[in-house]
Amino acid sequence: MSRVDIIMSTYNGEKYLREQIDSILTCNHQNIVLHVFDDGSSDETIQILKEYKHRYENNLHFYKNHRNLGVTKNFLNGIKTVMENFEEAKYFMCCDQDDVWHADKVSKTLKRMEQMEKRYGVDQPLLVFTDTVIVDENLNEISESFFKTQHFNLNKIDLAHLLMENKCIGCTIMINRAFEYYLSQTPNAARYHDWWMALIAAAFGHISYLPKATLDYRQHSANVVGSINFPSYVRKRMSSIKDQKLTLAKNRDQAEEFLHFFHEDLQRHQKSIVEEYLKMFQSNFIKRRYIAINRGYLKSGIVRNCGLMLIL
């Protein structure tokens, strides 16, 4: 049975942490190791982790950061640390502190990953992501599908589209060992850890969506990144054009750092996609929109893309 290493980021997560860890360590895939990277908690999180470390000595490791890194760097540094220190680890998953994993989450995702490796080999970075059930803080179902609620186009997971919009939810993804080379440097401009890894997989390997909800994605006031329904998403975007322009600038910064990191590794076609994306922001009003449409630097659906054309 293949080993799966799970990287969890914690920060003042005492309220839901036990429930999440229990759901992971009692899943139907028996060969898992949970690595918890705490980012400076001041509540009972560390004490809870010590309790679980005592109970699951061989299956749980936890680390305390010397300084607060923020969720993106905490995950990326965590994955890098596990890859460097556990050579036997082949598959890696990311985990939030407040969700509840379904019993078959690891096994179902691993099955798809192994299918991808048979098709593409083990030397390319491969990423699998799934759907989630959206629940409230008491685990009452809000929606059976995150992606149905958000109206994402999951057929558009190529590099051009991912430069503009991420679709890979971090708490659902699995990556393989081939990512190690591409994660040797920690970016400063990455929007989120899952987005950065999605770009890597799109540029150098492959991404596969498994259309199954594999966890309960808990929504509460302390979420760093949560889910809102689509009408609320539209109202939020329309109410603050300035913020949307800032977000677009952050997307550009992420692409610029991605090109800087992997300039020598990208094939000509892939390099051209990133370079044209960056040049787009230097073009005039009409040409920016022409390039976005012509090269596929777009979001999901008419509503999102109308908004993009407004702020680009």
C-alpha atoms as a PDB file:
ATOM      1  CA  MET A   1       0.000   0.000   0.000  1.00  0.00           C
ATOM      2  CA  SER A   2       1.493   3.326  -1.109  1.00  0.00           C
ATOM      3  CA  ARG A   3       2.457   5.829   1.554  1.00  0.00           C
ATOM      4  CA  VAL A   4       0.759   9.234   1.504  1.00  0.00           C
ATOM      5  CA  ASP A   5       2.224  12.173   3.453  1.00  0.00           C
ATOM      6  CA  ILE A   6      -0.217  14.891   4.471  1.00  0.00           C
ATOM      7  CA  ILE A   7       0.900  18.446   5.202  1.00  0.00           C
ATOM      8  CA  MET A   8      -1.337  20.461   7.520  1.00  0.00           C
ATOM      9  CA  SER A   9      -0.957  24.153   8.315  1.00  0.00           C
ATOM     10  CA  THR A  10      -2.227  25.317  11.701  1.00  0.00           C
ATOM     11  CA  TYR A  11      -2.711  28.703  13.279  1.00  0.00           C
ATOM     12  CA  ASN A  12      -4.922  29.072  16.360  1.00  0.00           C
ATOM     13  CA  GLY A  13      -6.957  26.093  15.216  1.00  0.00           C
ATOM     14  CA  GLU A  14      -8.043  24.637  18.551  1.00  0.00           C
ATOM     15  CA  LYS A  15     -11.788  24.791  17.824  1.00  0.00           C
ATOM     16  CA  TYR A  16     -11.923  22.255  14.998  1.00  0.00           C
ATOM     17  CA  LEU A  17      -8.491  20.637  15.033  1.00  0.00           C
ATOM     18  CA  ARG A  18      -9.365  17.409  16.859  1.00  0.00           C
ATOM     19  CA  GLU A  19     -12.236  16.673  14.510  1.00  0.00           C
ATOM     20  CA  GLN A  20     -10.037  17.185  11.483  1.00  0.00           C
ATOM     21  CA  ILE A  21      -7.144  15.049  12.727  1.00  0.00           C
ATOM     22  CA  ASP A  22      -9.534  12.266  13.727  1.00  0.00           C
ATOM     23  CA  SER A  23     -11.044  12.224  10.253  1.00  0.00           C
ATOM     24  CA  ILE A  24      -7.592  11.872   8.678  1.00  0.00           C
ATOM     25  CA  LEU A  25      -6.040   9.289  10.959  1.00  0.00           C
ATOM     26  CA  THR A  26      -9.108   7.023  10.877  1.00  0.00           C
ATOM     27  CA  CYS A  27      -9.540   7.024   7.094  1.00  0.00           C
ATOM     28  CA  ASN A  28      -9.625   3.784   5.120  1.00  0.00           C
ATOM     29  CA  HIS A  29      -6.100   4.215   3.737  1.00  0.00           C
ATOM     30  CA  GLN A  30      -3.818   2.841   6.389  1.00  0.00           C
ATOM     31  CA  ASN A  31      -0.397   4.037   5.233  1.00  0.00           C
ATOM     32  CA  ILE A  32      -0.453   7.771   5.957  1.00  0.00           C
ATOM     33  CA  VAL A  33       1.784  10.162   7.862  1.00  0.00           C
ATOM     34  CA  LEU A  34       0.487  13.547   8.992  1.00  0.00           C
ATOM     35  CA  HIS A  35       2.935  16.464   9.259  1.00  0.00           C
ATOM     36  CA  VAL A  36       1.582  19.531  11.047  1.00  0.00           C
ATOM     37  CA  PHE A  37       3.353  22.863  10.635  1.00  0.00           C
ATOM     38  CA  ASP A  38       2.215  25.385  13.222  1.00  0.00           C
ATOM     39  CA  ASP A  39       2.594  29.028  12.255  1.00  0.00           C
ATOM     40  CA  GLY A  40       2.721  30.617  15.702  1.00  0.00           C
ATOM     41  CA  SER A  41      -0.462  29.565  17.478  1.00  0.00           C
ATOM     42  CA  SER A  42      -1.204  31.195  20.823  1.00  0.00           C
ATOM     43  CA  ASP A  43      -4.235  29.062  21.751  1.00  0.00           C
ATOM     44  CA  GLU A  44      -4.367  25.359  22.681  1.00  0.00           C
ATOM     45  CA  THR A  45      -3.320  24.138  19.240  1.00  0.00           C
ATOM     46  CA  ILE A  46       0.171  23.045  20.349  1.00  0.00           C
ATOM     47  CA  GLN A  47      -1.189  21.169  23.351  1.00  0.00           C
ATOM     48  CA  ILE A  48      -3.676  19.349  21.152  1.00  0.00           C
ATOM     49  CA  LEU A  49      -0.890  18.387  18.752  1.00  0.00           C
ATOM     50  CA  LYS A  50       1.210  17.063  21.615  1.00  0.00           C
ATOM     51  CA  GLU A  51      -1.708  14.892  22.734  1.00  0.00           C
ATOM     52  CA  TYR A  52      -2.102  13.425  19.258  1.00  0.00           C
ATOM     53  CA  LYS A  53       1.639  12.970  18.872  1.00  0.00           C
ATOM     54  CA  HIS A  54       1.581  10.841  22.019  1.00  0.00           C
ATOM     55  CA  ARG A  55      -1.273   8.730  20.647  1.00  0.00           C
ATOM     56  CA  TYR A  56       0.005   8.434  17.071  1.00  0.00           C
ATOM     57  CA  GLU A  57       3.769   8.547  17.533  1.00  0.00           C
ATOM     58  CA  ASN A  58       4.630   6.979  14.181  1.00  0.00           C
ATOM     59  CA  ASN A  59       1.951   8.692  12.119  1.00  0.00           C
ATOM     60  CA  LEU A  60       2.098  12.295  13.251  1.00  0.00           C
ATOM     61  CA  HIS A  61       4.929  14.822  13.295  1.00  0.00           C
ATOM     62  CA  PHE A  62       4.578  18.465  14.158  1.00  0.00           C
ATOM     63  CA  TYR A  63       6.856  21.431  13.679  1.00  0.00           C
ATOM     64  CA  LYS A  64       6.765  24.952  15.110  1.00  0.00           C
ATOM     65  CA  ASN A  65       7.849  27.768  12.826  1.00  0.00           C
ATOM     66  CA  HIS A  66      10.379  30.216  14.262  1.00  0.00           C
ATOM     67  CA  ARG A  67       8.320  33.072  12.827  1.00  0.00           C
ATOM     68  CA  ASN A  68       4.935  33.499  11.238  1.00  0.00           C
ATOM     69  CA  LEU A  69       5.134  32.650   7.530  1.00  0.00           C
ATOM     70  CA  GLY A  70       1.527  33.002   6.447  1.00  0.00           C
ATOM     71  CA  VAL A  71      -0.517  30.172   5.030  1.00  0.00           C
ATOM     72  CA  THR A  72       1.007  30.086   1.525  1.00  0.00           C
ATOM     73  CA  LYS A  73       4.649  29.915   2.589  1.00  0.00           C
ATOM     74  CA  ASN A  74       3.813  27.623   5.491  1.00  0.00           C
ATOM     75  CA  PHE A  75       2.362  25.047   3.116  1.00  0.00           C
ATOM     76  CA  LEU A  76       5.104  25.371   0.512  1.00  0.00           C
ATOM     77  CA  ASN A  77       7.889  25.202   3.103  1.00  0.00           C
ATOM     78  CA  GLY A  78       6.096  22.303   4.770  1.00  0.00           C
ATOM     79  CA  ILE A  79       5.929  20.285   1.562  1.00  0.00           C
ATOM     80  CA  LYS A  80       9.560  21.081   0.818  1.00  0.00           C
ATOM     81  CA  THR A  81      10.613  19.998   4.332  1.00  0.00           C
ATOM     82  CA  VAL A  82       8.804  16.672   4.090  1.00  0.00           C
ATOM     83  CA  MET A  83      10.193  15.966   0.627  1.00  0.00           C
ATOM     84  CA  GLU A  84      13.748  16.701   1.776  1.00  0.00           C
ATOM     85  CA  ASN A  85      13.581  14.678   4.983  1.00  0.00           C
ATOM     86  CA  PHE A  86      11.468  11.668   4.021  1.00  0.00           C
ATOM     87  CA  GLU A  87      12.891  10.071   0.895  1.00  0.00           C
ATOM     88  CA  GLU A  88      10.385   7.221   1.112  1.00  0.00           C
ATOM     89  CA  ALA A  89       7.467   9.617   0.680  1.00  0.00           C
ATOM     90  CA  LYS A  90       6.006   9.576  -2.845  1.00  0.00           C
ATOM     91  CA  TYR A  91       2.627  11.289  -2.625  1.00  0.00           C
ATOM     92  CA  PHE A  92       1.686  14.481  -0.809  1.00  0.00           C
ATOM     93  CA  MET A  93      -1.602  16.090   0.157  1.00  0.00           C
ATOM     94  CA  CYS A  94      -2.422  19.460   1.738  1.00  0.00           C
ATOM     95  CA  CYS A  95      -4.793  19.812   4.634  1.00  0.00           C
ATOM     96  CA  ASP A  96      -6.551  22.698   6.364  1.00  0.00           C
ATOM     97  CA  GLN A  97      -7.067  22.665  10.121  1.00  0.00           C
ATOM     98  CA  ASP A  98     -10.834  23.025  10.173  1.00  0.00           C
ATOM     99  CA  ASP A  99     -12.358  20.669   7.578  1.00  0.00           C
ATOM    100  CA  VAL A 100     -13.465  17.044   7.883  1.00  0.00           C
ATOM    101  CA  TRP A 101     -12.067  14.508   5.435  1.00  0.00           C
ATOM    102  CA  HIS A 102     -14.250  11.732   4.074  1.00  0.00           C
ATOM    103  CA  ALA A 103     -13.067   8.215   4.845  1.00  0.00           C
ATOM    104  CA  ASP A 104     -12.238   7.465   1.202  1.00  0.00           C
ATOM    105  CA  LYS A 105     -10.597  10.807   0.355  1.00  0.00           C
ATOM    106  CA  VAL A 106      -7.020   9.526   0.344  1.00  0.00           C
ATOM    107  CA  SER A 107      -7.753   6.212  -1.358  1.00  0.00           C
ATOM    108  CA  LYS A 108      -9.910   7.724  -4.123  1.00  0.00           C
ATOM    109  CA  THR A 109      -7.411  10.494  -4.871  1.00  0.00           C
ATOM    110  CA  LEU A 110      -4.476   8.087  -4.803  1.00  0.00           C
ATOM    111  CA  LYS A 111      -6.233   5.784  -7.262  1.00  0.00           C
ATOM    112  CA  ARG A 112      -6.559   8.641  -9.752  1.00  0.00           C
ATOM    113  CA  MET A 113      -2.920   9.630  -9.170  1.00  0.00           C
ATOM    114  CA  GLU A 114      -1.735   6.082  -9.868  1.00  0.00           C
ATOM    115  CA  GLN A 115      -3.796   6.062 -13.061  1.00  0.00           C
ATOM    116  CA  MET A 116      -2.085   9.278 -14.135  1.00  0.00           C
ATOM    117  CA  GLU A 117       1.355   7.846 -13.389  1.00  0.00           C
ATOM    118  CA  LYS A 118       0.599   4.816 -15.556  1.00  0.00           C
ATOM    119  CA  ARG A 119      -0.335   7.161 -18.390  1.00  0.00           C
ATOM    120  CA  TYR A 120       2.332   9.848 -18.043  1.00  0.00           C
ATOM    121  CA  GLY A 121       5.085   8.249 -15.950  1.00  0.00           C
ATOM    122  CA  VAL A 122       6.412   9.253 -12.533  1.00  0.00           C
ATOM    123  CA  ASP A 123       8.952  11.834 -13.683  1.00  0.00           C
ATOM    124  CA  GLN A 124       6.462  14.603 -14.472  1.00  0.00           C
ATOM    125  CA  PRO A 125       4.725  16.706 -11.794  1.00  0.00           C
ATOM    126  CA  LEU A 126       1.177  15.392 -11.547  1.00  0.00           C
ATOM    127  CA  LEU A 127      -1.659  16.991  -9.598  1.00  0.00           C
ATOM    128  CA  VAL A 128      -5.092  15.618  -8.739  1.00  0.00           C
ATOM    129  CA  PHE A 129      -7.849  17.763  -7.247  1.00  0.00           C
ATOM    130  CA  THR A 130     -11.428  17.005  -6.256  1.00  0.00           C
ATOM    131  CA  ASP A 131     -14.700  18.638  -5.312  1.00  0.00           C
ATOM    132  CA  THR A 132     -15.908  19.352  -1.771  1.00  0.00           C
ATOM    133  CA  VAL A 133     -19.155  19.535   0.130  1.00  0.00           C
ATOM    134  CA  ILE A 134     -19.630  23.033   1.550  1.00  0.00           C
ATOM    135  CA  VAL A 135     -20.791  22.975   5.173  1.00  0.00           C
ATOM    136  CA  ASP A 136     -21.322  25.512   7.928  1.00  0.00           C
ATOM    137  CA  GLU A 137     -19.363  25.551  11.164  1.00  0.00           C
ATOM    138  CA  ASN A 138     -21.590  22.800  12.585  1.00  0.00           C
ATOM    139  CA  LEU A 139     -21.129  20.602   9.489  1.00  0.00           C
ATOM    140  CA  ASN A 140     -24.622  21.255   8.177  1.00  0.00           C
ATOM    141  CA  GLU A 141     -24.585  20.986   4.392  1.00  0.00           C
ATOM    142  CA  ILE A 142     -24.774  24.255   2.469  1.00  0.00           C
ATOM    143  CA  SER A 143     -24.042  22.810  -0.963  1.00  0.00           C
ATOM    144  CA  GLU A 144     -23.204  19.351  -2.219  1.00  0.00           C
ATOM    145  CA  SER A 145     -20.607  20.770  -4.599  1.00  0.00           C
ATOM    146  CA  PHE A 146     -18.159  23.661  -4.318  1.00  0.00           C
ATOM    147  CA  PHE A 147     -17.701  23.803  -8.072  1.00  0.00           C
ATOM    148  CA  LYS A 148     -21.408  23.835  -8.893  1.00  0.00           C
ATOM    149  CA  THR A 149     -21.810  26.726  -6.479  1.00  0.00           C
ATOM    150  CA  GLN A 150     -18.908  28.664  -7.962  1.00  0.00           C
ATOM    151  CA  HIS A 151     -19.666  27.899 -11.634  1.00  0.00           C
ATOM    152  CA  PHE A 152     -16.032  27.165 -12.480  1.00  0.00           C
ATOM    153  CA  ASN A 153     -15.204  25.770 -15.918  1.00  0.00           C
ATOM    154  CA  LEU A 154     -13.141  22.709 -15.071  1.00  0.00           C
ATOM    155  CA  ASN A 155     -12.298  22.041 -18.705  1.00  0.00           C
ATOM    156  CA  LYS A 156     -10.042  25.105 -18.660  1.00  0.00           C
ATOM    157  CA  ILE A 157      -7.095  23.982 -16.528  1.00  0.00           C
ATOM    158  CA  ASP A 158      -4.355  24.746 -19.041  1.00  0.00           C
ATOM    159  CA  LEU A 159      -1.513  27.148 -18.233  1.00  0.00           C
ATOM    160  CA  ALA A 160      -3.060  30.194 -19.944  1.00  0.00           C
ATOM    161  CA  HIS A 161      -6.327  29.970 -18.011  1.00  0.00           C
ATOM    162  CA  LEU A 162      -4.580  29.156 -14.734  1.00  0.00           C
ATOM    163  CA  LEU A 163      -2.467  32.293 -14.996  1.00  0.00           C
ATOM    164  CA  MET A 164      -5.714  34.227 -14.639  1.00  0.00           C
ATOM    165  CA  GLU A 165      -7.806  31.969 -12.393  1.00  0.00           C
ATOM    166  CA  ASN A 166      -7.059  29.113 -10.023  1.00  0.00           C
ATOM    167  CA  LYS A 167      -9.445  26.170  -9.813  1.00  0.00           C
ATOM    168  CA  CYS A 168      -7.451  23.678  -7.729  1.00  0.00           C
ATOM    169  CA  ILE A 169      -8.653  23.797  -4.111  1.00  0.00           C
ATOM    170  CA  GLY A 170      -5.641  23.287  -1.856  1.00  0.00           C
ATOM    171  CA  CYS A 171      -7.391  21.087   0.690  1.00  0.00           C
ATOM    172  CA  THR A 172      -8.290  18.586  -2.051  1.00  0.00           C
ATOM    173  CA  ILE A 173      -5.042  18.236  -3.986  1.00  0.00           C
ATOM    174  CA  MET A 174      -2.503  15.437  -4.200  1.00  0.00           C
ATOM    175  CA  ILE A 175       0.886  15.844  -5.888  1.00  0.00           C
ATOM    176  CA  ASN A 176       3.662  13.377  -6.634  1.00  0.00           C
ATOM    177  CA  ARG A 177       7.372  13.359  -5.839  1.00  0.00           C
ATOM    178  CA  ALA A 178       8.252  14.903  -9.223  1.00  0.00           C
ATOM    179  CA  PHE A 179       7.305  18.307  -7.778  1.00  0.00           C
ATOM    180  CA  GLU A 180      10.413  18.307  -5.567  1.00  0.00           C
ATOM    181  CA  TYR A 181      12.662  20.023  -8.109  1.00  0.00           C
ATOM    182  CA  TYR A 182      10.114  22.773  -8.785  1.00  0.00           C
ATOM    183  CA  LEU A 183       9.506  23.472  -5.098  1.00  0.00           C
ATOM    184  CA  SER A 184      13.168  23.905  -4.185  1.00  0.00           C
ATOM    185  CA  GLN A 185      12.648  27.694  -4.095  1.00  0.00           C
ATOM    186  CA  THR A 186       9.904  29.370  -2.096  1.00  0.00           C
ATOM    187  CA  PRO A 187       8.164  32.177  -3.998  1.00  0.00           C
ATOM    188  CA  ASN A 188       7.263  35.543  -2.499  1.00  0.00           C
ATOM    189  CA  ALA A 189       4.574  36.464  -5.013  1.00  0.00           C
ATOM    190  CA  ALA A 190       2.592  33.199  -5.082  1.00  0.00           C
ATOM    191  CA  ARG A 191      -1.076  33.984  -4.520  1.00  0.00           C
ATOM    192  CA  TYR A 192      -1.729  30.666  -2.784  1.00  0.00           C
ATOM    193  CA  HIS A 193       0.182  27.412  -2.450  1.00  0.00           C
ATOM    194  CA  ASP A 194      -2.380  25.466  -4.485  1.00  0.00           C
ATOM    195  CA  TRP A 195      -2.314  28.018  -7.293  1.00  0.00           C
ATOM    196  CA  TRP A 196       1.491  27.897  -7.466  1.00  0.00           C
ATOM    197  CA  MET A 197       1.482  24.110  -7.662  1.00  0.00           C
ATOM    198  CA  ALA A 198      -1.271  24.172 -10.273  1.00  0.00           C
ATOM    199  CA  LEU A 199       0.897  26.423 -12.451  1.00  0.00           C
ATOM    200  CA  ILE A 200       3.815  24.021 -12.058  1.00  0.00           C
ATOM    201  CA  ALA A 201       1.696  21.021 -13.021  1.00  0.00           C
ATOM    202  CA  ALA A 202       0.139  22.843 -15.991  1.00  0.00           C
ATOM    203  CA  ALA A 203       3.546  23.962 -17.284  1.00  0.00           C
ATOM    204  CA  PHE A 204       5.616  20.821 -16.686  1.00  0.00           C
ATOM    205  CA  GLY A 205       3.195  17.959 -16.150  1.00  0.00           C
ATOM    206  CA  HIS A 206      -0.520  17.265 -15.954  1.00  0.00           C
ATOM    207  CA  ILE A 207      -3.613  18.045 -13.862  1.00  0.00           C
ATOM    208  CA  SER A 208      -6.617  15.790 -13.369  1.00  0.00           C
ATOM    209  CA  TYR A 209      -9.956  16.670 -11.807  1.00  0.00           C
ATOM    210  CA  LEU A 210     -11.727  13.891  -9.904  1.00  0.00           C
ATOM    211  CA  PRO A 211     -15.451  14.819  -9.874  1.00  0.00           C
ATOM    212  CA  LYS A 212     -16.120  13.623  -6.358  1.00  0.00           C
ATOM    213  CA  ALA A 213     -16.549  15.509  -3.089  1.00  0.00           C
ATOM    214  CA  THR A 214     -13.885  14.144  -0.755  1.00  0.00           C
ATOM    215  CA  LEU A 215     -14.260  16.379   2.295  1.00  0.00           C
ATOM    216  CA  ASP A 216     -16.580  18.701   4.161  1.00  0.00           C
ATOM    217  CA  TYR A 217     -15.256  22.213   3.488  1.00  0.00           C
ATOM    218  CA  ARG A 218     -16.170  24.122   6.621  1.00  0.00           C
ATOM    219  CA  GLN A 219     -17.167  27.776   6.302  1.00  0.00           C
ATOM    220  CA  HIS A 220     -16.808  30.048   9.325  1.00  0.00           C
ATOM    221  CA  SER A 221     -15.703  33.537  10.262  1.00  0.00           C
ATOM    222  CA  ALA A 222     -12.007  32.605  10.662  1.00  0.00           C
ATOM    223  CA  ASN A 223     -11.485  31.124   7.183  1.00  0.00           C
ATOM    224  CA  VAL A 224      -8.478  32.519   5.338  1.00  0.00           C
ATOM    225  CA  VAL A 225     -10.075  31.588   2.029  1.00  0.00           C
ATOM    226  CA  GLY A 226     -13.681  30.507   2.103  1.00  0.00           C
ATOM    227  CA  SER A 227     -16.563  29.924  -0.227  1.00  0.00           C
ATOM    228  CA  ILE A 228     -19.325  32.360  -1.058  1.00  0.00           C
ATOM    229  CA  ASN A 229     -22.255  31.722  -3.359  1.00  0.00           C
ATOM    230  CA  PHE A 230     -22.016  32.980  -6.918  1.00  0.00           C
ATOM    231  CA  PRO A 231     -24.436  35.946  -6.632  1.00  0.00           C
ATOM    232  CA  SER A 232     -22.497  37.128  -3.568  1.00  0.00           C
ATOM    233  CA  TYR A 233     -19.264  36.717  -5.512  1.00  0.00           C
ATOM    234  CA  VAL A 234     -20.607  38.946  -8.290  1.00  0.00           C
ATOM    235  CA  ARG A 235     -21.847  41.630  -5.873  1.00  0.00           C
ATOM    236  CA  LYS A 236     -18.525  41.642  -4.058  1.00  0.00           C
ATOM    237  CA  ARG A 237     -16.566  42.031  -7.291  1.00  0.00           C
ATOM    238  CA  MET A 238     -18.792  44.800  -8.605  1.00  0.00           C
ATOM    239  CA  SER A 239     -18.633  46.767  -5.367  1.00  0.00           C
ATOM    240  CA  SER A 240     -14.874  47.237  -5.447  1.00  0.00           C
ATOM    241  CA  ILE A 241     -13.254  47.745  -8.841  1.00  0.00           C
ATOM    242  CA  LYS A 242     -10.112  49.064  -7.162  1.00  0.00           C
ATOM    243  CA  ASP A 243      -9.651  45.832  -5.220  1.00  0.00           C
ATOM    244  CA  GLN A 244     -10.150  43.800  -8.386  1.00  0.00           C
ATOM    245  CA  LYS A 245      -7.460  45.753 -10.181  1.00  0.00           C
ATOM    246  CA  LEU A 246      -5.137  45.071  -7.252  1.00  0.00           C
ATOM    247  CA  THR A 247      -5.938  41.364  -7.460  1.00  0.00           C
ATOM    248  CA  LEU A 248      -5.154  41.394 -11.174  1.00  0.00           C
ATOM    249  CA  ALA A 249      -1.818  43.065 -10.409  1.00  0.00           C
ATOM    250  CA  LYS A 250      -1.043  40.282  -7.914  1.00  0.00           C
ATOM    251  CA  ASN A 251      -1.790  37.707 -10.607  1.00  0.00           C
ATOM    252  CA  ARG A 252       0.718  39.500 -12.838  1.00  0.00           C
ATOM    253  CA  ASP A 253       3.337  39.515 -10.065  1.00  0.00           C
ATOM    254  CA  GLN A 254       2.838  35.786  -9.552  1.00  0.00           C
ATOM    255  CA  ALA A 255       3.327  35.120 -13.259  1.00  0.00           C
ATOM    256  CA  GLU A 256       6.437  37.286 -13.306  1.00  0.00           C
ATOM    257  CA  GLU A 257       8.020  35.337 -10.462  1.00  0.00           C
ATOM    258  CA  PHE A 258       6.990  32.049 -12.058  1.00  0.00           C
ATOM    259  CA  LEU A 259       8.813  33.056 -15.249  1.00  0.00           C
ATOM    260  CA  HIS A 260      11.833  34.192 -13.232  1.00  0.00           C
ATOM    261  CA  PHE A 261      12.033  30.879 -11.354  1.00  0.00           C
ATOM    262  CA  PHE A 262      11.518  28.585 -14.335  1.00  0.00           C
ATOM    263  CA  HIS A 263      12.813  30.575 -17.293  1.00  0.00           C
ATOM    264  CA  GLU A 264      15.379  27.889 -18.141  1.00  0.00           C
ATOM    265  CA  ASP A 265      12.987  24.971 -17.618  1.00  0.00           C
ATOM    266  CA  LEU A 266       9.974  26.083 -19.635  1.00  0.00           C
ATOM    267  CA  GLN A 267       9.630  24.824 -23.190  1.00  0.00           C
ATOM    268  CA  ARG A 268       9.367  27.510 -25.859  1.00  0.00           C
ATOM    269  CA  HIS A 269       5.581  27.250 -26.149  1.00  0.00           C
ATOM    270  CA  GLN A 270       5.008  27.394 -22.394  1.00  0.00           C
ATOM    271  CA  LYS A 271       7.451  30.264 -21.984  1.00  0.00           C
ATOM    272  CA  SER A 272       5.623  32.147 -24.701  1.00  0.00           C
ATOM    273  CA  ILE A 273       2.324  31.740 -22.848  1.00  0.00           C
ATOM    274  CA  VAL A 274       3.734  33.343 -19.702  1.00  0.00           C
ATOM    275  CA  GLU A 275       5.638  36.055 -21.567  1.00  0.00           C
ATOM    276  CA  GLU A 276       2.588  37.066 -23.602  1.00  0.00           C
ATOM    277  CA  TYR A 277       0.525  37.163 -20.430  1.00  0.00           C
ATOM    278  CA  LEU A 278       2.978  39.642 -18.911  1.00  0.00           C
ATOM    279  CA  LYS A 279       3.222  41.721 -22.098  1.00  0.00           C
ATOM    280  CA  MET A 280      -0.555  42.003 -22.122  1.00  0.00           C
ATOM    281  CA  PHE A 281      -0.453  44.306 -19.099  1.00  0.00           C
ATOM    282  CA  GLN A 282       1.856  46.691 -20.949  1.00  0.00           C
ATOM    283  CA  SER A 283      -0.409  46.967 -23.979  1.00  0.00           C
ATOM    284  CA  ASN A 284      -3.071  49.548 -24.743  1.00  0.00           C
ATOM    285  CA  PHE A 285      -6.747  49.263 -23.798  1.00  0.00           C
ATOM    286  CA  ILE A 286      -7.911  47.423 -26.910  1.00  0.00           C
ATOM    287  CA  LYS A 287      -4.865  45.180 -27.327  1.00  0.00           C
ATOM    288  CA  ARG A 288      -5.027  43.976 -23.699  1.00  0.00           C
ATOM    289  CA  ARG A 289      -8.517  42.667 -24.263  1.00  0.00           C
ATOM    290  CA  TYR A 290      -7.643  41.207 -27.653  1.00  0.00           C
ATOM    291  CA  ILE A 291      -4.696  39.288 -26.201  1.00  0.00           C
ATOM    292  CA  ALA A 292      -6.742  37.987 -23.267  1.00  0.00           C
ATOM    293  CA  ILE A 293      -9.431  36.609 -25.556  1.00  0.00           C
ATOM    294  CA  ASN A 294      -7.090  35.366 -28.278  1.00  0.00           C
ATOM    295  CA  ARG A 295      -4.607  33.622 -25.955  1.00  0.00           C
ATOM    296  CA  GLY A 296      -7.113  32.305 -23.426  1.00  0.00           C
ATOM    297  CA  TYR A 297      -6.132  34.435 -20.418  1.00  0.00           C
ATOM    298  CA  LEU A 298      -9.688  34.211 -19.180  1.00  0.00           C
ATOM    299  CA  LYS A 299     -11.840  33.235 -16.224  1.00  0.00           C
ATOM    300  CA  SER A 300     -14.863  30.955 -15.968  1.00  0.00           C
ATOM    301  CA  GLY A 301     -18.122  32.004 -17.562  1.00  0.00           C
ATOM    302  CA  ILE A 302     -19.585  35.098 -19.166  1.00  0.00           C
ATOM    303  CA  VAL A 303     -20.136  37.023 -15.931  1.00  0.00           C
ATOM    304  CA  ARG A 304     -16.555  36.679 -14.694  1.00  0.00           C
ATOM    305  CA  ASN A 305     -15.111  37.477 -18.097  1.00  0.00           C
ATOM    306  CA  CYS A 306     -17.303  40.546 -18.521  1.00  0.00           C
ATOM    307  CA  GLY A 307     -15.889  41.716 -15.191  1.00  0.00           C
ATOM    308  CA  LEU A 308     -12.387  40.927 -16.377  1.00  0.00           C
ATOM    309  CA  MET A 309     -12.861  42.955 -19.546  1.00  0.00           C
ATOM    310  CA  LEU A 310     -14.024  45.858 -17.382  1.00  0.00           C
ATOM    311  CA  ILE A 311     -10.931  45.966 -15.155  1.00  0.00           C
ATOM    312  CA  LEU A 312      -8.190  44.679 -17.466  1.00  0.00           C
END
